PDB file of all heavy atoms in Angstrom:
ATOM      1  N   GLU A   1      11.869   5.557  -7.169  1.00  0.00           N
ATOM      2  CA  GLU A   1      12.086   4.542  -8.309  1.00  0.00           C
ATOM      3  C   GLU A   1      10.855   3.499  -8.264  1.00  0.00           C
ATOM      4  O   GLU A   1      10.368   3.050  -9.314  1.00  0.00           O
ATOM      5  CB  GLU A   1      13.403   3.854  -8.212  1.00  0.00           C
ATOM      6  CG  GLU A   1      13.575   2.881  -9.283  1.00  0.00           C
ATOM      7  CD  GLU A   1      15.075   2.311  -9.224  1.00  0.00           C
ATOM      8  OE1 GLU A   1      15.854   2.750  -8.340  1.00  0.00           O
ATOM      9  OE2 GLU A   1      15.395   1.314  -9.819  1.00  0.00           O
ATOM     10  N   PHE A   2      10.521   3.015  -7.018  1.00  0.00           N
ATOM     11  CA  PHE A   2       9.378   2.101  -6.828  1.00  0.00           C
ATOM     12  C   PHE A   2       8.123   2.642  -7.383  1.00  0.00           C
ATOM     13  O   PHE A   2       7.310   1.923  -8.227  1.00  0.00           O
ATOM     14  CB  PHE A   2       9.245   1.746  -5.328  1.00  0.00           C
ATOM     15  CG  PHE A   2       8.011   0.852  -5.147  1.00  0.00           C
ATOM     16  CD1 PHE A   2       8.187  -0.429  -5.132  1.00  0.00           C
ATOM     17  CD2 PHE A   2       6.833   1.441  -4.708  1.00  0.00           C
ATOM     18  CE1 PHE A   2       7.106  -1.348  -4.844  1.00  0.00           C
ATOM     19  CE2 PHE A   2       5.741   0.613  -4.372  1.00  0.00           C
ATOM     20  CZ  PHE A   2       5.909  -0.720  -4.538  1.00  0.00           C
ATOM     21  N   ARG A   3       7.878   3.887  -7.095  1.00  0.00           N
ATOM     22  CA  ARG A   3       6.540   4.593  -7.550  1.00  0.00           C
ATOM     23  C   ARG A   3       6.537   4.652  -9.151  1.00  0.00           C
ATOM     24  O   ARG A   3       5.554   4.544  -9.783  1.00  0.00           O
ATOM     25  CB  ARG A   3       6.345   5.850  -6.830  1.00  0.00           C
ATOM     26  CG  ARG A   3       6.139   5.671  -5.382  1.00  0.00           C
ATOM     27  CD  ARG A   3       5.780   7.118  -4.685  1.00  0.00           C
ATOM     28  NE  ARG A   3       5.421   6.936  -3.238  1.00  0.00           N
ATOM     29  CZ  ARG A   3       6.343   7.371  -2.273  1.00  0.00           C
ATOM     30  NH1 ARG A   3       7.426   7.849  -2.660  1.00  0.00           N
ATOM     31  NH2 ARG A   3       5.903   7.286  -0.993  1.00  0.00           N
ATOM     32  N   LEU A   4       7.767   5.053  -9.683  1.00  0.00           N
ATOM     33  CA  LEU A   4       7.680   5.183 -11.152  1.00  0.00           C
ATOM     34  C   LEU A   4       7.601   3.912 -11.857  1.00  0.00           C
ATOM     35  O   LEU A   4       7.055   3.881 -12.850  1.00  0.00           O
ATOM     36  CB  LEU A   4       9.131   5.931 -11.488  1.00  0.00           C
ATOM     37  CG  LEU A   4       9.307   7.410 -11.094  1.00  0.00           C
ATOM     38  CD1 LEU A   4      10.714   7.904 -11.440  1.00  0.00           C
ATOM     39  CD2 LEU A   4       8.246   8.274 -11.889  1.00  0.00           C
ATOM     40  N   LEU A   5       8.219   2.932 -11.249  1.00  0.00           N
ATOM     41  CA  LEU A   5       8.112   1.558 -11.844  1.00  0.00           C
ATOM     42  C   LEU A   5       6.700   0.987 -11.725  1.00  0.00           C
ATOM     43  O   LEU A   5       6.167   0.355 -12.711  1.00  0.00           O
ATOM     44  CB  LEU A   5       9.105   0.596 -11.154  1.00  0.00           C
ATOM     45  CG  LEU A   5       9.050  -0.878 -11.669  1.00  0.00           C
ATOM     46  CD1 LEU A   5       9.652  -0.929 -13.031  1.00  0.00           C
ATOM     47  CD2 LEU A   5      10.081  -1.748 -10.744  1.00  0.00           C
ATOM     48  N   THR A   6       6.020   1.082 -10.556  1.00  0.00           N
ATOM     49  CA  THR A   6       4.723   0.466 -10.385  1.00  0.00           C
ATOM     50  C   THR A   6       3.544   1.238 -10.703  1.00  0.00           C
ATOM     51  O   THR A   6       2.392   0.788 -10.888  1.00  0.00           O
ATOM     52  CB  THR A   6       4.709  -0.162  -8.910  1.00  0.00           C
ATOM     53  OG1 THR A   6       4.754   1.074  -8.040  1.00  0.00           O
ATOM     54  CG2 THR A   6       5.773  -1.094  -8.623  1.00  0.00           C
ATOM     55  N   GLN A   7       3.658   2.656 -10.583  1.00  0.00           N
ATOM     56  CA  GLN A   7       2.636   3.531 -10.835  1.00  0.00           C
ATOM     57  C   GLN A   7       1.308   3.303  -9.949  1.00  0.00           C
ATOM     58  O   GLN A   7       0.166   3.021 -10.440  1.00  0.00           O
ATOM     59  CB  GLN A   7       2.238   3.546 -12.230  1.00  0.00           C
ATOM     60  CG  GLN A   7       3.227   4.009 -13.297  1.00  0.00           C
ATOM     61  CD  GLN A   7       3.470   5.515 -13.179  1.00  0.00           C
ATOM     62  OE1 GLN A   7       2.678   6.307 -13.108  1.00  0.00           O
ATOM     63  NE2 GLN A   7       4.799   5.846 -12.978  1.00  0.00           N
ATOM     64  N   PRO A   8       1.435   3.307  -8.674  1.00  0.00           N
ATOM     65  CA  PRO A   8       0.265   3.015  -7.851  1.00  0.00           C
ATOM     66  C   PRO A   8      -0.747   4.076  -8.061  1.00  0.00           C
ATOM     67  O   PRO A   8      -0.423   5.295  -8.074  1.00  0.00           O
ATOM     68  CB  PRO A   8       0.787   3.041  -6.426  1.00  0.00           C
ATOM     69  CG  PRO A   8       2.043   3.788  -6.494  1.00  0.00           C
ATOM     70  CD  PRO A   8       2.682   3.507  -7.822  1.00  0.00           C
ATOM     71  N   VAL A   9      -2.068   3.675  -8.125  1.00  0.00           N
ATOM     72  CA  VAL A   9      -3.168   4.647  -8.117  1.00  0.00           C
ATOM     73  C   VAL A   9      -3.841   4.751  -6.804  1.00  0.00           C
ATOM     74  O   VAL A   9      -4.976   5.251  -6.696  1.00  0.00           O
ATOM     75  CB  VAL A   9      -4.245   4.157  -9.213  1.00  0.00           C
ATOM     76  CG1 VAL A   9      -3.591   4.125 -10.583  1.00  0.00           C
ATOM     77  CG2 VAL A   9      -4.835   2.729  -8.822  1.00  0.00           C
ATOM     78  N   PHE A  10      -3.159   4.338  -5.805  1.00  0.00           N
ATOM     79  CA  PHE A  10      -3.660   4.437  -4.333  1.00  0.00           C
ATOM     80  C   PHE A  10      -2.598   5.148  -3.569  1.00  0.00           C
ATOM     81  O   PHE A  10      -1.417   5.142  -3.947  1.00  0.00           O
ATOM     82  CB  PHE A  10      -4.028   3.095  -3.752  1.00  0.00           C
ATOM     83  CG  PHE A  10      -2.970   2.098  -3.916  1.00  0.00           C
ATOM     84  CD1 PHE A  10      -1.858   1.979  -2.911  1.00  0.00           C
ATOM     85  CD2 PHE A  10      -2.757   1.174  -5.025  1.00  0.00           C
ATOM     86  CE1 PHE A  10      -0.847   1.063  -3.044  1.00  0.00           C
ATOM     87  CE2 PHE A  10      -1.720   0.251  -5.146  1.00  0.00           C
ATOM     88  CZ  PHE A  10      -0.686   0.228  -4.143  1.00  0.00           C
ATOM     89  N   PRO A  11      -2.971   5.818  -2.398  1.00  0.00           N
ATOM     90  CA  PRO A  11      -1.974   6.494  -1.660  1.00  0.00           C
ATOM     91  C   PRO A  11      -0.992   5.604  -0.983  1.00  0.00           C
ATOM     92  O   PRO A  11      -1.266   4.484  -0.607  1.00  0.00           O
ATOM     93  CB  PRO A  11      -2.762   7.225  -0.649  1.00  0.00           C
ATOM     94  CG  PRO A  11      -4.049   6.410  -0.541  1.00  0.00           C
ATOM     95  CD  PRO A  11      -4.298   5.852  -1.880  1.00  0.00           C
ATOM     96  N   THR A  12       0.269   6.170  -0.982  1.00  0.00           N
ATOM     97  CA  THR A  12       1.393   5.437  -0.345  1.00  0.00           C
ATOM     98  C   THR A  12       2.070   6.347   0.638  1.00  0.00           C
ATOM     99  O   THR A  12       2.111   7.598   0.375  1.00  0.00           O
ATOM    100  CB  THR A  12       2.357   4.850  -1.288  1.00  0.00           C
ATOM    101  OG1 THR A  12       2.942   5.845  -2.139  1.00  0.00           O
ATOM    102  CG2 THR A  12       1.718   3.836  -2.288  1.00  0.00           C
ATOM    103  N   VAL A  13       2.810   5.840   1.605  1.00  0.00           N
ATOM    104  CA  VAL A  13       3.642   6.688   2.518  1.00  0.00           C
ATOM    105  C   VAL A  13       4.803   5.743   2.941  1.00  0.00           C
ATOM    106  O   VAL A  13       4.689   4.597   3.009  1.00  0.00           O
ATOM    107  CB  VAL A  13       2.786   7.041   3.750  1.00  0.00           C
ATOM    108  CG1 VAL A  13       2.390   5.852   4.691  1.00  0.00           C
ATOM    109  CG2 VAL A  13       3.521   8.087   4.479  1.00  0.00           C
ATOM    110  N   ALA A  14       5.949   6.435   3.037  1.00  0.00           N
ATOM    111  CA  ALA A  14       7.160   5.864   3.447  1.00  0.00           C
ATOM    112  C   ALA A  14       7.124   5.468   5.007  1.00  0.00           C
ATOM    113  O   ALA A  14       6.672   6.271   5.796  1.00  0.00           O
ATOM    114  CB  ALA A  14       8.347   6.740   3.227  1.00  0.00           C
ATOM    115  N   ILE A  15       7.701   4.336   5.384  1.00  0.00           N
ATOM    116  CA  ILE A  15       7.866   3.947   6.785  1.00  0.00           C
ATOM    117  C   ILE A  15       9.306   3.637   7.020  1.00  0.00           C
ATOM    118  O   ILE A  15      10.018   3.208   6.031  1.00  0.00           O
ATOM    119  CB  ILE A  15       6.966   2.737   7.149  1.00  0.00           C
ATOM    120  CG1 ILE A  15       7.202   1.599   6.277  1.00  0.00           C
ATOM    121  CG2 ILE A  15       5.510   3.254   7.159  1.00  0.00           C
ATOM    122  CD1 ILE A  15       6.403   0.357   6.665  1.00  0.00           C
ATOM    123  N   ASP A  16       9.738   3.691   8.248  1.00  0.00           N
ATOM    124  CA  ASP A  16      11.077   3.368   8.530  1.00  0.00           C
ATOM    125  C   ASP A  16      11.356   1.848   8.816  1.00  0.00           C
ATOM    126  O   ASP A  16      10.412   1.055   8.780  1.00  0.00           O
ATOM    127  CB  ASP A  16      11.572   4.125   9.865  1.00  0.00           C
ATOM    128  CG  ASP A  16      10.820   3.827  11.057  1.00  0.00           C
ATOM    129  OD1 ASP A  16      10.310   2.742  11.162  1.00  0.00           O
ATOM    130  OD2 ASP A  16      10.574   4.811  11.831  1.00  0.00           O
ATOM    131  N   ALA A  17      12.607   1.472   8.904  1.00  0.00           N
ATOM    132  CA  ALA A  17      12.807  -0.002   8.954  1.00  0.00           C
ATOM    133  C   ALA A  17      12.152  -0.723  10.272  1.00  0.00           C
ATOM    134  O   ALA A  17      11.713  -1.726  10.148  1.00  0.00           O
ATOM    135  CB  ALA A  17      14.324  -0.237   9.118  1.00  0.00           C
ATOM    136  N   ILE A  18      12.223   0.041  11.436  1.00  0.00           N
ATOM    137  CA  ILE A  18      11.695  -0.482  12.620  1.00  0.00           C
ATOM    138  C   ILE A  18      10.138  -0.801  12.460  1.00  0.00           C
ATOM    139  O   ILE A  18       9.581  -1.827  12.756  1.00  0.00           O
ATOM    140  CB  ILE A  18      11.965   0.372  13.777  1.00  0.00           C
ATOM    141  CG1 ILE A  18      13.385   0.424  14.084  1.00  0.00           C
ATOM    142  CG2 ILE A  18      11.181  -0.106  15.064  1.00  0.00           C
ATOM    143  CD1 ILE A  18      13.877   1.321  15.154  1.00  0.00           C
ATOM    144  N   THR A  19       9.366   0.195  11.912  1.00  0.00           N
ATOM    145  CA  THR A  19       7.997   0.003  11.631  1.00  0.00           C
ATOM    146  C   THR A  19       7.826  -1.096  10.643  1.00  0.00           C
ATOM    147  O   THR A  19       6.900  -1.943  10.895  1.00  0.00           O
ATOM    148  CB  THR A  19       7.375   1.371  11.131  1.00  0.00           C
ATOM    149  OG1 THR A  19       7.694   2.417  12.030  1.00  0.00           O
ATOM    150  CG2 THR A  19       5.922   1.146  10.863  1.00  0.00           C
ATOM    151  N   PHE A  20       8.583  -1.132   9.544  1.00  0.00           N
ATOM    152  CA  PHE A  20       8.416  -2.062   8.562  1.00  0.00           C
ATOM    153  C   PHE A  20       8.545  -3.629   9.061  1.00  0.00           C
ATOM    154  O   PHE A  20       7.645  -4.346   8.974  1.00  0.00           O
ATOM    155  CB  PHE A  20       9.456  -1.814   7.455  1.00  0.00           C
ATOM    156  CG  PHE A  20       9.501  -2.938   6.409  1.00  0.00           C
ATOM    157  CD1 PHE A  20       8.515  -3.087   5.488  1.00  0.00           C
ATOM    158  CD2 PHE A  20      10.558  -3.833   6.339  1.00  0.00           C
ATOM    159  CE1 PHE A  20       8.522  -4.063   4.384  1.00  0.00           C
ATOM    160  CE2 PHE A  20      10.662  -4.850   5.415  1.00  0.00           C
ATOM    161  CZ  PHE A  20       9.556  -4.893   4.483  1.00  0.00           C
ATOM    162  N   PHE A  21       9.651  -3.729   9.844  1.00  0.00           N
ATOM    163  CA  PHE A  21       9.929  -5.107  10.334  1.00  0.00           C
ATOM    164  C   PHE A  21       8.921  -5.537  11.444  1.00  0.00           C
ATOM    165  O   PHE A  21       8.628  -6.667  11.675  1.00  0.00           O
ATOM    166  CB  PHE A  21      11.419  -5.331  10.749  1.00  0.00           C
ATOM    167  CG  PHE A  21      12.294  -5.316   9.602  1.00  0.00           C
ATOM    168  CD1 PHE A  21      13.064  -4.401   9.327  1.00  0.00           C
ATOM    169  CD2 PHE A  21      12.246  -6.466   8.786  1.00  0.00           C
ATOM    170  CE1 PHE A  21      14.046  -4.408   8.332  1.00  0.00           C
ATOM    171  CE2 PHE A  21      13.154  -6.491   7.775  1.00  0.00           C
ATOM    172  CZ  PHE A  21      14.096  -5.556   7.494  1.00  0.00           C
ATOM    173  N   GLY A  22       8.344  -4.524  12.081  1.00  0.00           N
ATOM    174  CA  GLY A  22       7.274  -4.674  13.115  1.00  0.00           C
ATOM    175  C   GLY A  22       6.007  -5.140  12.663  1.00  0.00           C
ATOM    176  O   GLY A  22       5.113  -5.676  13.291  1.00  0.00           O
ATOM    177  N   LEU A  23       5.769  -4.826  11.264  1.00  0.00           N
ATOM    178  CA  LEU A  23       4.433  -5.006  10.583  1.00  0.00           C
ATOM    179  C   LEU A  23       4.448  -6.281   9.758  1.00  0.00           C
ATOM    180  O   LEU A  23       3.419  -6.659   9.212  1.00  0.00           O
ATOM    181  CB  LEU A  23       4.012  -3.796   9.810  1.00  0.00           C
ATOM    182  CG  LEU A  23       3.670  -2.631  10.722  1.00  0.00           C
ATOM    183  CD1 LEU A  23       3.415  -1.449   9.742  1.00  0.00           C
ATOM    184  CD2 LEU A  23       2.516  -2.952  11.514  1.00  0.00           C
ATOM    185  N   ILE A  24       5.624  -6.910   9.449  1.00  0.00           N
ATOM    186  CA  ILE A  24       5.612  -8.142   8.602  1.00  0.00           C
ATOM    187  C   ILE A  24       6.124  -9.207   9.604  1.00  0.00           C
ATOM    188  O   ILE A  24       6.618  -9.106  10.705  1.00  0.00           O
ATOM    189  CB  ILE A  24       6.584  -7.959   7.486  1.00  0.00           C
ATOM    190  CG1 ILE A  24       8.008  -7.736   7.881  1.00  0.00           C
ATOM    191  CG2 ILE A  24       6.129  -6.792   6.581  1.00  0.00           C
ATOM    192  CD1 ILE A  24       9.083  -7.890   6.643  1.00  0.00           C
ATOM    193  N   ASP A  25       6.061 -10.471   9.013  1.00  0.00           N
ATOM    194  CA  ASP A  25       6.550 -11.607   9.706  1.00  0.00           C
ATOM    195  C   ASP A  25       7.984 -12.083   9.079  1.00  0.00           C
ATOM    196  O   ASP A  25       8.939 -11.656   9.746  1.00  0.00           O
ATOM    197  CB  ASP A  25       5.629 -12.829   9.524  1.00  0.00           C
ATOM    198  CG  ASP A  25       6.103 -14.066  10.228  1.00  0.00           C
ATOM    199  OD1 ASP A  25       6.915 -13.987  11.110  1.00  0.00           O
ATOM    200  OD2 ASP A  25       5.536 -15.094  10.020  1.00  0.00           O
ATOM    201  N   LYS A  26       8.016 -12.598   7.974  1.00  0.00           N
ATOM    202  CA  LYS A  26       9.358 -12.986   7.442  1.00  0.00           C
ATOM    203  C   LYS A  26       9.615 -12.151   6.112  1.00  0.00           C
ATOM    204  O   LYS A  26      10.725 -11.674   6.004  1.00  0.00           O
ATOM    205  CB  LYS A  26       9.316 -14.450   7.038  1.00  0.00           C
ATOM    206  CG  LYS A  26       9.148 -15.436   8.177  1.00  0.00           C
ATOM    207  CD  LYS A  26       9.195 -16.906   7.816  1.00  0.00           C
ATOM    208  CE  LYS A  26       9.009 -17.749   8.966  1.00  0.00           C
ATOM    209  NZ  LYS A  26       8.950 -19.201   8.553  1.00  0.00           N
ATOM    210  N   GLU A  27       8.560 -11.944   5.291  1.00  0.00           N
ATOM    211  CA  GLU A  27       8.880 -11.094   4.132  1.00  0.00           C
ATOM    212  C   GLU A  27       7.568 -10.500   3.557  1.00  0.00           C
ATOM    213  O   GLU A  27       6.506 -11.052   3.849  1.00  0.00           O
ATOM    214  CB  GLU A  27       9.403 -12.068   2.981  1.00  0.00           C
ATOM    215  CG  GLU A  27       8.512 -13.403   2.664  1.00  0.00           C
ATOM    216  CD  GLU A  27       9.268 -14.284   1.816  1.00  0.00           C
ATOM    217  OE1 GLU A  27      10.146 -13.837   0.978  1.00  0.00           O
ATOM    218  OE2 GLU A  27       8.934 -15.501   1.784  1.00  0.00           O
ATOM    219  N   PRO A  28       7.718  -9.422   3.004  1.00  0.00           N
ATOM    220  CA  PRO A  28       6.484  -8.709   2.394  1.00  0.00           C
ATOM    221  C   PRO A  28       6.118  -9.375   1.023  1.00  0.00           C
ATOM    222  O   PRO A  28       6.922 -10.182   0.557  1.00  0.00           O
ATOM    223  CB  PRO A  28       6.983  -7.300   2.274  1.00  0.00           C
ATOM    224  CG  PRO A  28       8.447  -7.477   1.856  1.00  0.00           C
ATOM    225  CD  PRO A  28       8.885  -8.571   2.722  1.00  0.00           C
ATOM    226  N   PRO A  29       5.033  -9.117   0.576  1.00  0.00           N
ATOM    227  CA  PRO A  29       3.942  -8.230   1.047  1.00  0.00           C
ATOM    228  C   PRO A  29       3.115  -8.850   2.210  1.00  0.00           C
ATOM    229  O   PRO A  29       2.927 -10.081   2.111  1.00  0.00           O
ATOM    230  CB  PRO A  29       3.163  -7.756  -0.153  1.00  0.00           C
ATOM    231  CG  PRO A  29       3.168  -8.929  -0.949  1.00  0.00           C
ATOM    232  CD  PRO A  29       4.610  -9.561  -0.839  1.00  0.00           C
ATOM    233  N   ARG A  30       2.577  -7.972   3.009  1.00  0.00           N
ATOM    234  CA  ARG A  30       1.549  -8.441   3.966  1.00  0.00           C
ATOM    235  C   ARG A  30       0.352  -7.546   3.861  1.00  0.00           C
ATOM    236  O   ARG A  30       0.540  -6.183   3.629  1.00  0.00           O
ATOM    237  CB  ARG A  30       2.179  -8.371   5.364  1.00  0.00           C
ATOM    238  CG  ARG A  30       1.021  -8.457   6.433  1.00  0.00           C
ATOM    239  CD  ARG A  30       1.530  -8.738   7.856  1.00  0.00           C
ATOM    240  NE  ARG A  30       2.073 -10.119   8.060  1.00  0.00           N
ATOM    241  CZ  ARG A  30       2.350 -10.560   9.292  1.00  0.00           C
ATOM    242  NH1 ARG A  30       2.275  -9.751  10.391  1.00  0.00           N
ATOM    243  NH2 ARG A  30       2.721 -11.805   9.451  1.00  0.00           N
ATOM    244  N   PHE A  31      -0.758  -8.087   3.955  1.00  0.00           N
ATOM    245  CA  PHE A  31      -2.058  -7.348   3.730  1.00  0.00           C
ATOM    246  C   PHE A  31      -2.908  -7.284   5.001  1.00  0.00           C
ATOM    247  O   PHE A  31      -3.181  -8.355   5.594  1.00  0.00           O
ATOM    248  CB  PHE A  31      -2.928  -7.979   2.608  1.00  0.00           C
ATOM    249  CG  PHE A  31      -2.197  -8.075   1.308  1.00  0.00           C
ATOM    250  CD1 PHE A  31      -1.379  -9.229   1.006  1.00  0.00           C
ATOM    251  CD2 PHE A  31      -2.250  -7.133   0.332  1.00  0.00           C
ATOM    252  CE1 PHE A  31      -0.679  -9.296  -0.237  1.00  0.00           C
ATOM    253  CE2 PHE A  31      -1.517  -7.162  -0.893  1.00  0.00           C
ATOM    254  CZ  PHE A  31      -0.718  -8.341  -1.094  1.00  0.00           C
ATOM    255  N   TYR A  32      -3.131  -6.101   5.475  1.00  0.00           N
ATOM    256  CA  TYR A  32      -4.020  -5.931   6.686  1.00  0.00           C
ATOM    257  C   TYR A  32      -5.403  -5.449   6.395  1.00  0.00           C
ATOM    258  O   TYR A  32      -5.569  -4.609   5.476  1.00  0.00           O
ATOM    259  CB  TYR A  32      -3.354  -4.937   7.598  1.00  0.00           C
ATOM    260  CG  TYR A  32      -2.140  -5.290   8.366  1.00  0.00           C
ATOM    261  CD1 TYR A  32      -0.868  -5.204   7.889  1.00  0.00           C
ATOM    262  CD2 TYR A  32      -2.394  -5.906   9.608  1.00  0.00           C
ATOM    263  CE1 TYR A  32       0.209  -5.661   8.581  1.00  0.00           C
ATOM    264  CE2 TYR A  32      -1.275  -6.446  10.343  1.00  0.00           C
ATOM    265  CZ  TYR A  32       0.041  -6.223   9.860  1.00  0.00           C
ATOM    266  OH  TYR A  32       1.055  -6.619  10.585  1.00  0.00           O
ATOM    267  N   ARG A  33      -6.491  -5.920   7.170  1.00  0.00           N
ATOM    268  CA  ARG A  33      -7.718  -5.386   7.075  1.00  0.00           C
ATOM    269  C   ARG A  33      -7.767  -4.414   8.234  1.00  0.00           C
ATOM    270  O   ARG A  33      -7.563  -4.901   9.414  1.00  0.00           O
ATOM    271  CB  ARG A  33      -8.804  -6.469   6.956  1.00  0.00           C
ATOM    272  CG  ARG A  33     -10.231  -6.025   7.123  1.00  0.00           C
ATOM    273  CD  ARG A  33     -11.191  -7.262   7.114  1.00  0.00           C
ATOM    274  NE  ARG A  33     -12.625  -6.748   7.317  1.00  0.00           N
ATOM    275  CZ  ARG A  33     -13.337  -7.401   8.051  1.00  0.00           C
ATOM    276  NH1 ARG A  33     -12.985  -8.561   8.670  1.00  0.00           N
ATOM    277  NH2 ARG A  33     -14.672  -6.999   8.251  1.00  0.00           N
ATOM    278  N   VAL A  34      -8.068  -3.213   7.960  1.00  0.00           N
ATOM    279  CA  VAL A  34      -7.999  -2.158   9.093  1.00  0.00           C
ATOM    280  C   VAL A  34      -9.330  -1.392   9.173  1.00  0.00           C
ATOM    281  O   VAL A  34      -9.942  -0.954   8.161  1.00  0.00           O
ATOM    282  CB  VAL A  34      -6.890  -1.157   8.762  1.00  0.00           C
ATOM    283  CG1 VAL A  34      -6.822  -0.114   9.774  1.00  0.00           C
ATOM    284  CG2 VAL A  34      -5.586  -1.898   8.741  1.00  0.00           C
ATOM    285  N   ARG A  35      -9.826  -1.216  10.362  1.00  0.00           N
ATOM    286  CA  ARG A  35     -11.014  -0.402  10.584  1.00  0.00           C
ATOM    287  C   ARG A  35     -10.683   0.571  11.774  1.00  0.00           C
ATOM    288  O   ARG A  35     -10.427   0.123  12.902  1.00  0.00           O
ATOM    289  CB  ARG A  35     -12.186  -1.228  11.005  1.00  0.00           C
ATOM    290  CG  ARG A  35     -13.476  -0.555  11.339  1.00  0.00           C
ATOM    291  CD  ARG A  35     -14.590  -1.415  11.808  1.00  0.00           C
ATOM    292  NE  ARG A  35     -15.040  -2.429  10.814  1.00  0.00           N
ATOM    293  CZ  ARG A  35     -15.473  -3.596  11.142  1.00  0.00           C
ATOM    294  NH1 ARG A  35     -15.660  -3.970  12.309  1.00  0.00           N
ATOM    295  NH2 ARG A  35     -15.873  -4.342  10.112  1.00  0.00           N
ATOM    296  N   ASP A  36     -10.773   1.836  11.487  1.00  0.00           N
ATOM    297  CA  ASP A  36     -10.514   2.840  12.519  1.00  0.00           C
ATOM    298  C   ASP A  36      -9.237   2.695  13.208  1.00  0.00           C
ATOM    299  O   ASP A  36      -9.054   2.866  14.359  1.00  0.00           O
ATOM    300  CB  ASP A  36     -11.675   2.980  13.431  1.00  0.00           C
ATOM    301  CG  ASP A  36     -13.057   3.209  12.918  1.00  0.00           C
ATOM    302  OD1 ASP A  36     -13.049   3.855  11.900  1.00  0.00           O
ATOM    303  OD2 ASP A  36     -14.059   2.741  13.430  1.00  0.00           O
ATOM    304  N   GLY A  37      -8.258   2.390  12.311  1.00  0.00           N
ATOM    305  CA  GLY A  37      -6.857   2.228  12.837  1.00  0.00           C
ATOM    306  C   GLY A  37      -6.554   0.888  13.580  1.00  0.00           C
ATOM    307  O   GLY A  37      -5.476   0.626  13.846  1.00  0.00           O
ATOM    308  N   VAL A  38      -7.536   0.014  13.782  1.00  0.00           N
ATOM    309  CA  VAL A  38      -7.300  -1.268  14.340  1.00  0.00           C
ATOM    310  C   VAL A  38      -7.181  -2.319  13.300  1.00  0.00           C
ATOM    311  O   VAL A  38      -7.940  -2.412  12.358  1.00  0.00           O
ATOM    312  CB  VAL A  38      -8.628  -1.588  15.260  1.00  0.00           C
ATOM    313  CG1 VAL A  38      -8.526  -2.979  15.863  1.00  0.00           C
ATOM    314  CG2 VAL A  38      -8.787  -0.551  16.322  1.00  0.00           C
TER     315      VAL A  38
END
């Protein structure tokens, strides 16, 4: 439903709750600058 509503033109992948809450602080969205996985 999210993908149909927003129509992203970039790749997306699902993550579980533990991964999600480990990657945000209080609330999304959060934006990371990533190089070679770092």
